[in-house]
PDB file of N, CA and C in Angstrom:
ATOM      1  N   MET A   1    -114.276 -58.428   9.299  1.00  0.00           N
ATOM      2  CA  MET A   1    -115.285 -59.192   8.604  1.00  0.00           C
ATOM      3  C   MET A   1    -116.045 -60.091   9.588  1.00  0.00           C
ATOM      4  N   ALA A   2    -115.310 -60.719  10.511  1.00  0.00           N
ATOM      5  CA  ALA A   2    -115.953 -61.603  11.489  1.00  0.00           C
ATOM      6  C   ALA A   2    -116.929 -60.822  12.367  1.00  0.00           C
ATOM      7  N   MET A   3    -116.553 -59.623  12.760  1.00  0.00           N
ATOM      8  CA  MET A   3    -117.437 -58.785  13.585  1.00  0.00           C
ATOM      9  C   MET A   3    -118.673 -58.372  12.792  1.00  0.00           C
ATOM     10  N   ALA A   4    -118.458 -57.969  11.551  1.00  0.00           N
ATOM     11  CA  ALA A   4    -119.547 -57.455  10.728  1.00  0.00           C
ATOM     12  C   ALA A   4    -120.575 -58.517  10.354  1.00  0.00           C
ATOM     13  N   THR A   5    -120.146 -59.769  10.261  1.00  0.00           N
ATOM     14  CA  THR A   5    -121.068 -60.821   9.822  1.00  0.00           C
ATOM     15  C   THR A   5    -121.808 -61.495  10.981  1.00  0.00           C
ATOM     16  N   GLY A   6    -121.608 -61.020  12.189  1.00  0.00           N
ATOM     17  CA  GLY A   6    -122.314 -61.598  13.339  1.00  0.00           C
ATOM     18  C   GLY A   6    -123.807 -61.740  13.136  1.00  0.00           C
ATOM     19  N   PRO A   7    -124.505 -60.685  12.682  1.00  0.00           N
ATOM     20  CA  PRO A   7    -125.950 -60.809  12.491  1.00  0.00           C
ATOM     21  C   PRO A   7    -126.341 -61.843  11.437  1.00  0.00           C
ATOM     22  N   MET A   8    -125.443 -62.190  10.551  1.00  0.00           N
ATOM     23  CA  MET A   8    -125.739 -63.212   9.553  1.00  0.00           C
ATOM     24  C   MET A   8    -125.396 -64.604  10.082  1.00  0.00           C
ATOM     25  N   ASN A   9    -124.426 -64.689  10.985  1.00  0.00           N
ATOM     26  CA  ASN A   9    -123.990 -65.985  11.512  1.00  0.00           C
ATOM     27  C   ASN A   9    -124.851 -66.474  12.669  1.00  0.00           C
ATOM     28  N   LEU A  10    -125.474 -65.553  13.375  1.00  0.00           N
ATOM     29  CA  LEU A  10    -126.271 -65.913  14.552  1.00  0.00           C
ATOM     30  C   LEU A  10    -127.759 -65.811  14.249  1.00  0.00           C
ATOM     31  N   TRP A  11    -128.506 -66.813  14.653  1.00  0.00           N
ATOM     32  CA  TRP A  11    -129.963 -66.743  14.549  1.00  0.00           C
ATOM     33  C   TRP A  11    -130.512 -65.979  15.758  1.00  0.00           C
ATOM     34  N   ASP A  12    -129.934 -66.229  16.917  1.00  0.00           N
ATOM     35  CA  ASP A  12    -130.338 -65.574  18.165  1.00  0.00           C
ATOM     36  C   ASP A  12    -129.505 -64.299  18.332  1.00  0.00           C
ATOM     37  N   LEU A  13    -130.042 -63.184  17.893  1.00  0.00           N
ATOM     38  CA  LEU A  13    -129.292 -61.927  17.946  1.00  0.00           C
ATOM     39  C   LEU A  13    -129.061 -61.442  19.369  1.00  0.00           C
ATOM     40  N   GLY A  14    -129.716 -62.065  20.332  1.00  0.00           N
ATOM     41  CA  GLY A  14    -129.452 -61.772  21.735  1.00  0.00           C
ATOM     42  C   GLY A  14    -128.044 -62.183  22.145  1.00  0.00           C
ATOM     43  N   LEU A  15    -127.414 -63.028  21.344  1.00  0.00           N
ATOM     44  CA  LEU A  15    -126.047 -63.488  21.620  1.00  0.00           C
ATOM     45  C   LEU A  15    -124.986 -62.642  20.915  1.00  0.00           C
ATOM     46  N   LEU A  16    -125.423 -61.599  20.218  1.00  0.00           N
ATOM     47  CA  LEU A  16    -124.489 -60.799  19.424  1.00  0.00           C
ATOM     48  C   LEU A  16    -123.391 -60.150  20.269  1.00  0.00           C
ATOM     49  N   ASP A  17    -123.733 -59.619  21.432  1.00  0.00           N
ATOM     50  CA  ASP A  17    -122.708 -59.009  22.289  1.00  0.00           C
ATOM     51  C   ASP A  17    -121.696 -60.054  22.758  1.00  0.00           C
ATOM     52  N   ALA A  18    -122.170 -61.241  23.119  1.00  0.00           N
ATOM     53  CA  ALA A  18    -121.260 -62.317  23.542  1.00  0.00           C
ATOM     54  C   ALA A  18    -120.360 -62.730  22.377  1.00  0.00           C
ATOM     55  N   TRP A  19    -120.919 -62.807  21.177  1.00  0.00           N
ATOM     56  CA  TRP A  19    -120.168 -63.142  19.965  1.00  0.00           C
ATOM     57  C   TRP A  19    -119.040 -62.128  19.765  1.00  0.00           C
ATOM     58  N   ARG A  20    -119.386 -60.855  19.878  1.00  0.00           N
ATOM     59  CA  ARG A  20    -118.385 -59.799  19.686  1.00  0.00           C
ATOM     60  C   ARG A  20    -117.322 -59.820  20.782  1.00  0.00           C
ATOM     61  N   THR A  21    -117.723 -60.169  22.006  1.00  0.00           N
ATOM     62  CA  THR A  21    -116.756 -60.260  23.104  1.00  0.00           C
ATOM     63  C   THR A  21    -115.730 -61.358  22.815  1.00  0.00           C
ATOM     64  N   VAL A  22    -116.203 -62.504  22.380  1.00  0.00           N
ATOM     65  CA  VAL A  22    -115.291 -63.606  22.051  1.00  0.00           C
ATOM     66  C   VAL A  22    -114.360 -63.182  20.916  1.00  0.00           C
ATOM     67  N   LEU A  23    -114.915 -62.598  19.874  1.00  0.00           N
ATOM     68  CA  LEU A  23    -114.098 -62.201  18.729  1.00  0.00           C
ATOM     69  C   LEU A  23    -113.092 -61.112  19.087  1.00  0.00           C
ATOM     70  N   SER A  24    -113.425 -60.284  20.062  1.00  0.00           N
ATOM     71  CA  SER A  24    -112.494 -59.216  20.453  1.00  0.00           C
ATOM     72  C   SER A  24    -111.215 -59.788  21.072  1.00  0.00           C
ATOM     73  N   ARG A  25    -111.272 -61.036  21.537  1.00  0.00           N
ATOM     74  CA  ARG A  25    -110.100 -61.685  22.131  1.00  0.00           C
ATOM     75  C   ARG A  25    -109.260 -62.449  21.104  1.00  0.00           C
ATOM     76  N   VAL A  26    -109.773 -62.546  19.894  1.00  0.00           N
ATOM     77  CA  VAL A  26    -109.062 -63.265  18.835  1.00  0.00           C
ATOM     78  C   VAL A  26    -108.075 -62.311  18.172  1.00  0.00           C
ATOM     79  N   ARG A  27    -106.888 -62.790  17.968  1.00  0.00           N
ATOM     80  CA  ARG A  27    -105.871 -61.987  17.287  1.00  0.00           C
ATOM     81  C   ARG A  27    -105.878 -62.369  15.812  1.00  0.00           C
ATOM     82  N   PHE A  28    -106.575 -61.570  15.032  1.00  0.00           N
ATOM     83  CA  PHE A  28    -106.694 -61.826  13.599  1.00  0.00           C
ATOM     84  C   PHE A  28    -105.488 -61.264  12.871  1.00  0.00           C
ATOM     85  N   SER A  29    -105.079 -61.935  11.817  1.00  0.00           N
ATOM     86  CA  SER A  29    -104.043 -61.390  10.945  1.00  0.00           C
ATOM     87  C   SER A  29    -104.688 -61.158   9.587  1.00  0.00           C
ATOM     88  N   GLY A  30    -104.099 -60.331   8.820  1.00  0.00           N
ATOM     89  CA  GLY A  30    -104.597 -60.083   7.476  1.00  0.00           C
ATOM     90  C   GLY A  30    -103.697 -60.700   6.426  1.00  0.00           C
ATOM     91  N   GLU A  31    -102.929 -61.705   6.822  1.00  0.00           N
ATOM     92  CA  GLU A  31    -101.955 -62.289   5.903  1.00  0.00           C
ATOM     93  C   GLU A  31    -102.593 -62.898   4.657  1.00  0.00           C
ATOM     94  N   TRP A  32    -103.845 -63.295   4.755  1.00  0.00           N
ATOM     95  CA  TRP A  32    -104.507 -63.915   3.621  1.00  0.00           C
ATOM     96  C   TRP A  32    -105.098 -62.869   2.668  1.00  0.00           C
ATOM     97  N   ASN A  33    -105.228 -61.611   3.113  1.00  0.00           N
ATOM     98  CA  ASN A  33    -105.858 -60.571   2.293  1.00  0.00           C
ATOM     99  C   ASN A  33    -105.203 -60.334   0.932  1.00  0.00           C
ATOM    100  N   PRO A  34    -103.866 -60.213   0.844  1.00  0.00           N
ATOM    101  CA  PRO A  34    -103.273 -59.974  -0.482  1.00  0.00           C
ATOM    102  C   PRO A  34    -103.610 -61.074  -1.489  1.00  0.00           C
ATOM    103  N   GLY A  35    -103.539 -62.314  -1.041  1.00  0.00           N
ATOM    104  CA  GLY A  35    -103.886 -63.424  -1.939  1.00  0.00           C
ATOM    105  C   GLY A  35    -105.346 -63.410  -2.326  1.00  0.00           C
ATOM    106  N   TRP A  36    -106.208 -63.069  -1.365  1.00  0.00           N
ATOM    107  CA  TRP A  36    -107.641 -62.995  -1.639  1.00  0.00           C
ATOM    108  C   TRP A  36    -107.917 -61.898  -2.665  1.00  0.00           C
ATOM    109  N   ARG A  37    -107.319 -60.727  -2.463  1.00  0.00           N
ATOM    110  CA  ARG A  37    -107.524 -59.608  -3.390  1.00  0.00           C
ATOM    111  C   ARG A  37    -106.977 -59.916  -4.784  1.00  0.00           C
ATOM    112  N   ALA A  38    -105.867 -60.625  -4.845  1.00  0.00           N
ATOM    113  CA  ALA A  38    -105.247 -60.951  -6.129  1.00  0.00           C
ATOM    114  C   ALA A  38    -105.926 -62.126  -6.826  1.00  0.00           C
ATOM    115  N   GLY A  39    -106.804 -62.820  -6.100  1.00  0.00           N
ATOM    116  CA  GLY A  39    -107.475 -63.981  -6.690  1.00  0.00           C
ATOM    117  C   GLY A  39    -106.615 -65.225  -6.709  1.00  0.00           C
ATOM    118  N   THR A  40    -105.536 -65.237  -5.910  1.00  0.00           N
ATOM    119  CA  THR A  40    -104.630 -66.392  -5.894  1.00  0.00           C
ATOM    120  C   THR A  40    -104.784 -67.255  -4.647  1.00  0.00           C
ATOM    121  N   LEU A  41    -105.670 -66.865  -3.753  1.00  0.00           N
ATOM    122  CA  LEU A  41    -105.880 -67.637  -2.526  1.00  0.00           C
ATOM    123  C   LEU A  41    -106.625 -68.914  -2.879  1.00  0.00           C
ATOM    124  N   ARG A  42    -106.053 -70.036  -2.509  1.00  0.00           N
ATOM    125  CA  ARG A  42    -106.671 -71.331  -2.795  1.00  0.00           C
ATOM    126  C   ARG A  42    -107.911 -71.507  -1.920  1.00  0.00           C
ATOM    127  N   SER A  43    -108.984 -71.913  -2.517  1.00  0.00           N
ATOM    128  CA  SER A  43    -110.227 -72.116  -1.790  1.00  0.00           C
ATOM    129  C   SER A  43    -110.122 -73.347  -0.891  1.00  0.00           C
ATOM    130  N   PRO A  44    -110.629 -73.266   0.342  1.00  0.00           N
ATOM    131  CA  PRO A  44    -110.659 -74.452   1.198  1.00  0.00           C
ATOM    132  C   PRO A  44    -111.767 -75.416   0.781  1.00  0.00           C
ATOM    133  N   ARG A  45    -112.656 -74.973  -0.097  1.00  0.00           N
ATOM    134  CA  ARG A  45    -113.783 -75.785  -0.538  1.00  0.00           C
ATOM    135  C   ARG A  45    -113.401 -76.563  -1.786  1.00  0.00           C
ATOM    136  N   PRO A  46    -113.571 -77.882  -1.754  1.00  0.00           N
ATOM    137  CA  PRO A  46    -113.295 -78.658  -2.963  1.00  0.00           C
ATOM    138  C   PRO A  46    -114.281 -78.294  -4.069  1.00  0.00           C
ATOM    139  N   ALA A  47    -113.885 -78.490  -5.297  1.00  0.00           N
ATOM    140  CA  ALA A  47    -114.749 -78.163  -6.439  1.00  0.00           C
ATOM    141  C   ALA A  47    -116.067 -78.941  -6.375  1.00  0.00           C
ATOM    142  N   ASP A  48    -116.020 -80.182  -5.911  1.00  0.00           N
ATOM    143  CA  ASP A  48    -117.221 -81.024  -5.827  1.00  0.00           C
ATOM    144  C   ASP A  48    -117.263 -81.700  -4.457  1.00  0.00           C
ATOM    145  N   PRO A  49    -117.741 -80.982  -3.424  1.00  0.00           N
ATOM    146  CA  PRO A  49    -117.743 -81.556  -2.072  1.00  0.00           C
ATOM    147  C   PRO A  49    -118.530 -82.860  -1.971  1.00  0.00           C
ATOM    148  N   GLU A  50    -119.614 -82.960  -2.722  1.00  0.00           N
ATOM    149  CA  GLU A  50    -120.414 -84.187  -2.675  1.00  0.00           C
ATOM    150  C   GLU A  50    -119.590 -85.381  -3.134  1.00  0.00           C
ATOM    151  N   ALA A  51    -118.838 -85.222  -4.212  1.00  0.00           N
ATOM    152  CA  ALA A  51    -118.010 -86.320  -4.731  1.00  0.00           C
ATOM    153  C   ALA A  51    -116.916 -86.686  -3.733  1.00  0.00           C
ATOM    154  N   VAL A  52    -116.327 -85.696  -3.104  1.00  0.00           N
ATOM    155  CA  VAL A  52    -115.274 -85.958  -2.113  1.00  0.00           C
ATOM    156  C   VAL A  52    -115.836 -86.803  -0.973  1.00  0.00           C
ATOM    157  N   LEU A  53    -116.995 -86.422  -0.446  1.00  0.00           N
ATOM    158  CA  LEU A  53    -117.589 -87.161   0.674  1.00  0.00           C
ATOM    159  C   LEU A  53    -118.077 -88.545   0.250  1.00  0.00           C
ATOM    160  N   ARG A  54    -118.641 -88.661  -0.931  1.00  0.00           N
ATOM    161  CA  ARG A  54    -119.052 -89.988  -1.427  1.00  0.00           C
ATOM    162  C   ARG A  54    -117.835 -90.893  -1.580  1.00  0.00           C
ATOM    163  N   GLY A  55    -116.744 -90.334  -2.073  1.00  0.00           N
ATOM    164  CA  GLY A  55    -115.535 -91.105  -2.309  1.00  0.00           C
ATOM    165  C   GLY A  55    -114.864 -91.594  -1.040  1.00  0.00           C
ATOM    166  N   ARG A  56    -115.091 -90.924   0.068  1.00  0.00           N
ATOM    167  CA  ARG A  56    -114.465 -91.341   1.335  1.00  0.00           C
ATOM    168  C   ARG A  56    -115.083 -92.628   1.861  1.00  0.00           C
ATOM    169  N   ARG A  57    -116.331 -92.871   1.537  1.00  0.00           N
ATOM    170  CA  ARG A  57    -117.047 -94.089   1.945  1.00  0.00           C
ATOM    171  C   ARG A  57    -116.969 -94.350   3.443  1.00  0.00           C
ATOM    172  N   ARG A  58    -117.114 -93.296   4.194  1.00  0.00           N
ATOM    173  CA  ARG A  58    -117.128 -93.383   5.664  1.00  0.00           C
ATOM    174  C   ARG A  58    -118.399 -92.723   6.168  1.00  0.00           C
ATOM    175  N   ARG A  59    -118.789 -93.128   7.338  1.00  0.00           N
ATOM    176  CA  ARG A  59    -119.917 -92.441   7.974  1.00  0.00           C
ATOM    177  C   ARG A  59    -119.576 -90.954   8.043  1.00  0.00           C
ATOM    178  N   THR A  60    -120.537 -90.135   7.711  1.00  0.00           N
ATOM    179  CA  THR A  60    -120.321 -88.697   7.661  1.00  0.00           C
ATOM    180  C   THR A  60    -121.453 -87.990   8.386  1.00  0.00           C
ATOM    181  N   LEU A  61    -121.102 -87.120   9.298  1.00  0.00           N
ATOM    182  CA  LEU A  61    -122.104 -86.332  10.003  1.00  0.00           C
ATOM    183  C   LEU A  61    -122.192 -84.957   9.358  1.00  0.00           C
ATOM    184  N   ILE A  62    -123.396 -84.591   8.971  1.00  0.00           N
ATOM    185  CA  ILE A  62    -123.672 -83.245   8.480  1.00  0.00           C
ATOM    186  C   ILE A  62    -124.427 -82.556   9.607  1.00  0.00           C
ATOM    187  N   LEU A  63    -123.735 -81.709  10.325  1.00  0.00           N
ATOM    188  CA  LEU A  63    -124.270 -81.020  11.508  1.00  0.00           C
ATOM    189  C   LEU A  63    -124.500 -79.571  11.116  1.00  0.00           C
ATOM    190  N   HIS A  64    -125.758 -79.145  11.157  1.00  0.00           N
ATOM    191  CA  HIS A  64    -126.119 -77.887  10.508  1.00  0.00           C
ATOM    192  C   HIS A  64    -127.147 -77.118  11.331  1.00  0.00           C
ATOM    193  N   GLY A  65    -126.955 -75.813  11.444  1.00  0.00           N
ATOM    194  CA  GLY A  65    -127.952 -74.958  12.087  1.00  0.00           C
ATOM    195  C   GLY A  65    -129.188 -74.857  11.210  1.00  0.00           C
ATOM    196  N   ALA A  66    -130.338 -75.162  11.757  1.00  0.00           N
ATOM    197  CA  ALA A  66    -131.574 -75.195  10.970  1.00  0.00           C
ATOM    198  C   ALA A  66    -131.947 -73.833  10.404  1.00  0.00           C
ATOM    199  N   GLU A  67    -131.462 -72.774  11.010  1.00  0.00           N
ATOM    200  CA  GLU A  67    -131.794 -71.411  10.562  1.00  0.00           C
ATOM    201  C   GLU A  67    -130.590 -70.715   9.924  1.00  0.00           C
ATOM    202  N   ASP A  68    -129.638 -71.480   9.430  1.00  0.00           N
ATOM    203  CA  ASP A  68    -128.408 -70.933   8.841  1.00  0.00           C
ATOM    204  C   ASP A  68    -128.745 -70.021   7.658  1.00  0.00           C
ATOM    205  N   LEU A  69    -128.277 -68.773   7.714  1.00  0.00           N
ATOM    206  CA  LEU A  69    -128.498 -67.822   6.629  1.00  0.00           C
ATOM    207  C   LEU A  69    -127.332 -67.820   5.628  1.00  0.00           C
ATOM    208  N   VAL A  70    -126.196 -68.383   6.020  1.00  0.00           N
ATOM    209  CA  VAL A  70    -125.031 -68.418   5.141  1.00  0.00           C
ATOM    210  C   VAL A  70    -125.148 -69.598   4.176  1.00  0.00           C
ATOM    211  N   PHE A  71    -125.414 -70.777   4.716  1.00  0.00           N
ATOM    212  CA  PHE A  71    -125.670 -71.980   3.934  1.00  0.00           C
ATOM    213  C   PHE A  71    -127.053 -72.473   4.336  1.00  0.00           C
ATOM    214  N   PRO A  72    -128.077 -72.113   3.580  1.00  0.00           N
ATOM    215  CA  PRO A  72    -129.442 -72.506   3.950  1.00  0.00           C
ATOM    216  C   PRO A  72    -129.575 -74.013   4.167  1.00  0.00           C
ATOM    217  N   VAL A  73    -130.533 -74.386   4.978  1.00  0.00           N
ATOM    218  CA  VAL A  73    -130.724 -75.786   5.352  1.00  0.00           C
ATOM    219  C   VAL A  73    -130.928 -76.683   4.128  1.00  0.00           C
ATOM    220  N   GLU A  74    -131.409 -76.118   3.042  1.00  0.00           N
ATOM    221  CA  GLU A  74    -131.579 -76.913   1.817  1.00  0.00           C
ATOM    222  C   GLU A  74    -130.235 -77.455   1.310  1.00  0.00           C
ATOM    223  N   VAL A  75    -129.167 -76.714   1.558  1.00  0.00           N
ATOM    224  CA  VAL A  75    -127.831 -77.177   1.166  1.00  0.00           C
ATOM    225  C   VAL A  75    -127.471 -78.436   1.954  1.00  0.00           C
ATOM    226  N   ALA A  76    -127.769 -78.445   3.240  1.00  0.00           N
ATOM    227  CA  ALA A  76    -127.493 -79.619   4.074  1.00  0.00           C
ATOM    228  C   ALA A  76    -128.327 -80.813   3.621  1.00  0.00           C
ATOM    229  N   HIS A  77    -129.596 -80.570   3.302  1.00  0.00           N
ATOM    230  CA  HIS A  77    -130.457 -81.658   2.818  1.00  0.00           C
ATOM    231  C   HIS A  77    -129.938 -82.222   1.492  1.00  0.00           C
ATOM    232  N   ARG A  78    -129.503 -81.335   0.609  1.00  0.00           N
ATOM    233  CA  ARG A  78    -128.979 -81.787  -0.683  1.00  0.00           C
ATOM    234  C   ARG A  78    -127.708 -82.615  -0.504  1.00  0.00           C
ATOM    235  N   LEU A  79    -126.825 -82.161   0.378  1.00  0.00           N
ATOM    236  CA  LEU A  79    -125.594 -82.901   0.647  1.00  0.00           C
ATOM    237  C   LEU A  79    -125.909 -84.268   1.249  1.00  0.00           C
ATOM    238  N   HIS A  80    -126.838 -84.291   2.182  1.00  0.00           N
ATOM    239  CA  HIS A  80    -127.238 -85.555   2.807  1.00  0.00           C
ATOM    240  C   HIS A  80    -127.794 -86.535   1.764  1.00  0.00           C
ATOM    241  N   ALA A  81    -128.607 -86.034   0.848  1.00  0.00           N
ATOM    242  CA  ALA A  81    -129.181 -86.899  -0.199  1.00  0.00           C
ATOM    243  C   ALA A  81    -128.096 -87.417  -1.138  1.00  0.00           C
ATOM    244  N   ALA A  82    -127.037 -86.642  -1.329  1.00  0.00           N
ATOM    245  CA  ALA A  82    -125.984 -87.020  -2.267  1.00  0.00           C
ATOM    246  C   ALA A  82    -124.929 -87.944  -1.665  1.00  0.00           C
ATOM    247  N   VAL A  83    -124.886 -88.022  -0.345  1.00  0.00           N
ATOM    248  CA  VAL A  83    -123.858 -88.829   0.332  1.00  0.00           C
ATOM    249  C   VAL A  83    -124.568 -89.964   1.071  1.00  0.00           C
ATOM    250  N   PRO A  84    -124.558 -91.169   0.500  1.00  0.00           N
ATOM    251  CA  PRO A  84    -125.347 -92.282   1.041  1.00  0.00           C
ATOM    252  C   PRO A  84    -125.035 -92.662   2.484  1.00  0.00           C
ATOM    253  N   HIS A  85    -123.814 -92.517   2.914  1.00  0.00           N
ATOM    254  CA  HIS A  85    -123.409 -92.927   4.262  1.00  0.00           C
ATOM    255  C   HIS A  85    -123.428 -91.760   5.247  1.00  0.00           C
ATOM    256  N   SER A  86    -124.253 -90.756   4.952  1.00  0.00           N
ATOM    257  CA  SER A  86    -124.283 -89.575   5.818  1.00  0.00           C
ATOM    258  C   SER A  86    -125.474 -89.604   6.769  1.00  0.00           C
ATOM    259  N   GLU A  87    -125.299 -88.871   7.841  1.00  0.00           N
ATOM    260  CA  GLU A  87    -126.361 -88.642   8.824  1.00  0.00           C
ATOM    261  C   GLU A  87    -126.529 -87.134   8.921  1.00  0.00           C
ATOM    262  N   LEU A  88    -127.766 -86.672   8.813  1.00  0.00           N
ATOM    263  CA  LEU A  88    -128.046 -85.242   8.907  1.00  0.00           C
ATOM    264  C   LEU A  88    -128.597 -84.933  10.292  1.00  0.00           C
ATOM    265  N   ALA A  89    -127.959 -84.008  10.973  1.00  0.00           N
ATOM    266  CA  ALA A  89    -128.420 -83.559  12.293  1.00  0.00           C
ATOM    267  C   ALA A  89    -128.603 -82.051  12.228  1.00  0.00           C
ATOM    268  N   LEU A  90    -129.840 -81.615  12.363  1.00  0.00           N
ATOM    269  CA  LEU A  90    -130.137 -80.186  12.349  1.00  0.00           C
ATOM    270  C   LEU A  90    -130.254 -79.674  13.785  1.00  0.00           C
ATOM    271  N   VAL A  91    -129.613 -78.553  14.033  1.00  0.00           N
ATOM    272  CA  VAL A  91    -129.673 -77.923  15.353  1.00  0.00           C
ATOM    273  C   VAL A  91    -130.747 -76.847  15.268  1.00  0.00           C
ATOM    274  N   ALA A  92    -131.850 -77.071  15.977  1.00  0.00           N
ATOM    275  CA  ALA A  92    -132.990 -76.145  15.938  1.00  0.00           C
ATOM    276  C   ALA A  92    -132.626 -74.791  16.527  1.00  0.00           C
ATOM    277  N   ASP A  93    -133.263 -73.760  15.998  1.00  0.00           N
ATOM    278  CA  ASP A  93    -133.102 -72.395  16.503  1.00  0.00           C
ATOM    279  C   ASP A  93    -131.644 -71.956  16.543  1.00  0.00           C
ATOM    280  N   ALA A  94    -130.881 -72.333  15.535  1.00  0.00           N
ATOM    281  CA  ALA A  94    -129.469 -71.960  15.451  1.00  0.00           C
ATOM    282  C   ALA A  94    -129.124 -71.647  14.001  1.00  0.00           C
ATOM    283  N   GLY A  95    -128.218 -70.705  13.840  1.00  0.00           N
ATOM    284  CA  GLY A  95    -127.780 -70.313  12.508  1.00  0.00           C
ATOM    285  C   GLY A  95    -126.442 -70.922  12.149  1.00  0.00           C
ATOM    286  N   HIS A  96    -125.647 -70.151  11.402  1.00  0.00           N
ATOM    287  CA  HIS A  96    -124.351 -70.616  10.923  1.00  0.00           C
ATOM    288  C   HIS A  96    -123.399 -70.906  12.082  1.00  0.00           C
ATOM    289  N   ALA A  97    -123.559 -70.200  13.167  1.00  0.00           N
ATOM    290  CA  ALA A  97    -122.709 -70.405  14.351  1.00  0.00           C
ATOM    291  C   ALA A  97    -123.440 -71.272  15.371  1.00  0.00           C
ATOM    292  N   ALA A  98    -124.027 -72.355  14.905  1.00  0.00           N
ATOM    293  CA  ALA A  98    -124.784 -73.245  15.786  1.00  0.00           C
ATOM    294  C   ALA A  98    -123.926 -73.763  16.931  1.00  0.00           C
ATOM    295  N   HIS A  99    -122.637 -73.922  16.696  1.00  0.00           N
ATOM    296  CA  HIS A  99    -121.716 -74.394  17.741  1.00  0.00           C
ATOM    297  C   HIS A  99    -121.589 -73.368  18.866  1.00  0.00           C
ATOM    298  N   VAL A 100    -121.924 -72.131  18.607  1.00  0.00           N
ATOM    299  CA  VAL A 100    -121.906 -71.071  19.630  1.00  0.00           C
ATOM    300  C   VAL A 100    -123.293 -70.926  20.251  1.00  0.00           C
ATOM    301  N   GLU A 101    -124.305 -70.891  19.404  1.00  0.00           N
ATOM    302  CA  GLU A 101    -125.668 -70.641  19.873  1.00  0.00           C
ATOM    303  C   GLU A 101    -126.248 -71.792  20.691  1.00  0.00           C
ATOM    304  N   ARG A 102    -125.990 -72.991  20.270  1.00  0.00           N
ATOM    305  CA  ARG A 102    -126.543 -74.183  20.931  1.00  0.00           C
ATOM    306  C   ARG A 102    -125.411 -75.171  21.199  1.00  0.00           C
ATOM    307  N   ARG A 103    -124.425 -74.700  21.938  1.00  0.00           N
ATOM    308  CA  ARG A 103    -123.201 -75.478  22.152  1.00  0.00           C
ATOM    309  C   ARG A 103    -123.471 -76.874  22.714  1.00  0.00           C
ATOM    310  N   SER A 104    -124.303 -76.971  23.726  1.00  0.00           N
ATOM    311  CA  SER A 104    -124.567 -78.284  24.346  1.00  0.00           C
ATOM    312  C   SER A 104    -125.164 -79.262  23.351  1.00  0.00           C
ATOM    313  N   GLU A 105    -126.131 -78.801  22.584  1.00  0.00           N
ATOM    314  CA  GLU A 105    -126.748 -79.687  21.595  1.00  0.00           C
ATOM    315  C   GLU A 105    -125.737 -80.060  20.514  1.00  0.00           C
ATOM    316  N   TRP A 106    -124.952 -79.091  20.064  1.00  0.00           N
ATOM    317  CA  TRP A 106    -123.934 -79.328  19.036  1.00  0.00           C
ATOM    318  C   TRP A 106    -122.939 -80.399  19.497  1.00  0.00           C
ATOM    319  N   VAL A 107    -122.403 -80.208  20.689  1.00  0.00           N
ATOM    320  CA  VAL A 107    -121.412 -81.152  21.229  1.00  0.00           C
ATOM    321  C   VAL A 107    -122.062 -82.513  21.470  1.00  0.00           C
ATOM    322  N   GLY A 108    -123.282 -82.523  21.988  1.00  0.00           N
ATOM    323  CA  GLY A 108    -123.981 -83.784  22.230  1.00  0.00           C
ATOM    324  C   GLY A 108    -124.181 -84.587  20.960  1.00  0.00           C
ATOM    325  N   ARG A 109    -124.604 -83.923  19.906  1.00  0.00           N
ATOM    326  CA  ARG A 109    -124.802 -84.629  18.628  1.00  0.00           C
ATOM    327  C   ARG A 109    -123.489 -85.148  18.071  1.00  0.00           C
ATOM    328  N   LEU A 110    -122.447 -84.359  18.217  1.00  0.00           N
ATOM    329  CA  LEU A 110    -121.132 -84.787  17.742  1.00  0.00           C
ATOM    330  C   LEU A 110    -120.634 -85.989  18.541  1.00  0.00           C
ATOM    331  N   ARG A 111    -120.813 -85.945  19.852  1.00  0.00           N
ATOM    332  CA  ARG A 111    -120.393 -87.088  20.693  1.00  0.00           C
ATOM    333  C   ARG A 111    -121.155 -88.350  20.362  1.00  0.00           C
ATOM    334  N   ARG A 112    -122.478 -88.227  20.178  1.00  0.00           N
ATOM    335  CA  ARG A 112    -123.280 -89.408  19.830  1.00  0.00           C
ATOM    336  C   ARG A 112    -122.798 -90.006  18.518  1.00  0.00           C
ATOM    337  N   PHE A 113    -122.494 -89.161  17.565  1.00  0.00           N
ATOM    338  CA  PHE A 113    -122.030 -89.647  16.266  1.00  0.00           C
ATOM    339  C   PHE A 113    -120.687 -90.368  16.409  1.00  0.00           C
ATOM    340  N   LEU A 114    -119.795 -89.798  17.195  1.00  0.00           N
ATOM    341  CA  LEU A 114    -118.455 -90.382  17.346  1.00  0.00           C
ATOM    342  C   LEU A 114    -118.467 -91.690  18.123  1.00  0.00           C
ATOM    343  N   ARG A 115    -119.477 -91.900  18.957  1.00  0.00           N
ATOM    344  CA  ARG A 115    -119.580 -93.169  19.671  1.00  0.00           C
ATOM    345  C   ARG A 115    -119.909 -94.258  18.690  1.00  0.00           C
TER     346      ARG A 115
END
């Protein structure tokens, strides 16, 4: 699945071979598949992510690829509007794997936020 979704995760398809090279070194297990197929796998996503983040009452960084095809940028804008203590940082020319496509910018924004 990770290999197949590369074109959806990357905005810069020129990085697709590098993406596949990295993934080829990952040792994936299918241990979660039976639960997923049976519908018993617990979702990592809370039912109401906006409420969870509002309830934390902490500074929150929403770091998002501006060209994300998996979670469109409108989702990031909506989350930012719903969480008063949030900061929205969009990574230009990057998709869902912005941390791969624009690593320096991604890490830089994260470091600035953590300071």
